[in-house]
């Protein structure tokens, strides 16, 4: 309960987000780090807040890309036995004990999900989002998979699921795989901004300090 309350209070005014999932183990000299950095900047230019798990690697890269162009950047970090340090590119960060709370928050505020190369945690987050969309528990938000060479066996296995009747053929349309930032942004624009009729507005939000809430400052307009 403390995790949820802390998360709601910290993130209530972050505005519509796009969440970027990916490995904490990716180094700055990895091409996927640079791809995530460019994607973070492109998401911020659309007017979305970039949300990540708040740690290093892909998460840092996406937050960094947003921060470098004056966009909004937030994280939901997790307490681990080998402490995961929050990256330096966050306007706001909430630190959580439970993974299930973290996943709920990463999904709650987002209109799209970008999945970069990662490990077991990234797979968990991808299939959490995919299952919630497939079963109608959340809206049909776009899921973009990037780093197609890394994910090609997984994408093939998802196609095999459809071939064997374990998922419906239409479920394949729930994911969009590309290595192009431009194609990814065009997909998010069509499936999130246009589909949900989002528009750019001033960043001003009313908040209630007596609830422990804080407003969110930033440059330029946000999407709403």
Foldseek 3Di string as FASTA:
>chain_A
DVLLLLLCQQCVQQAAAEEEEAAQPADPVDPLLQLLLCLLLLRQVVQHEYEYQQFHHSLLSSLNSQQVVFGAYEHEHEQDPPGGDGHPRHPTYHYYHDPVSRLCSSPVRYLEYEYEYHDPSSVVSVVVVLVCCLVVVDDLRAYEYAPCVRCVVVLVVVVVCCVVPVGPPVSNVSYHYDNDSVVVSVVNCVRGCVVVVKDWDQSDDDDDVVSVHDGDDTDDTHID
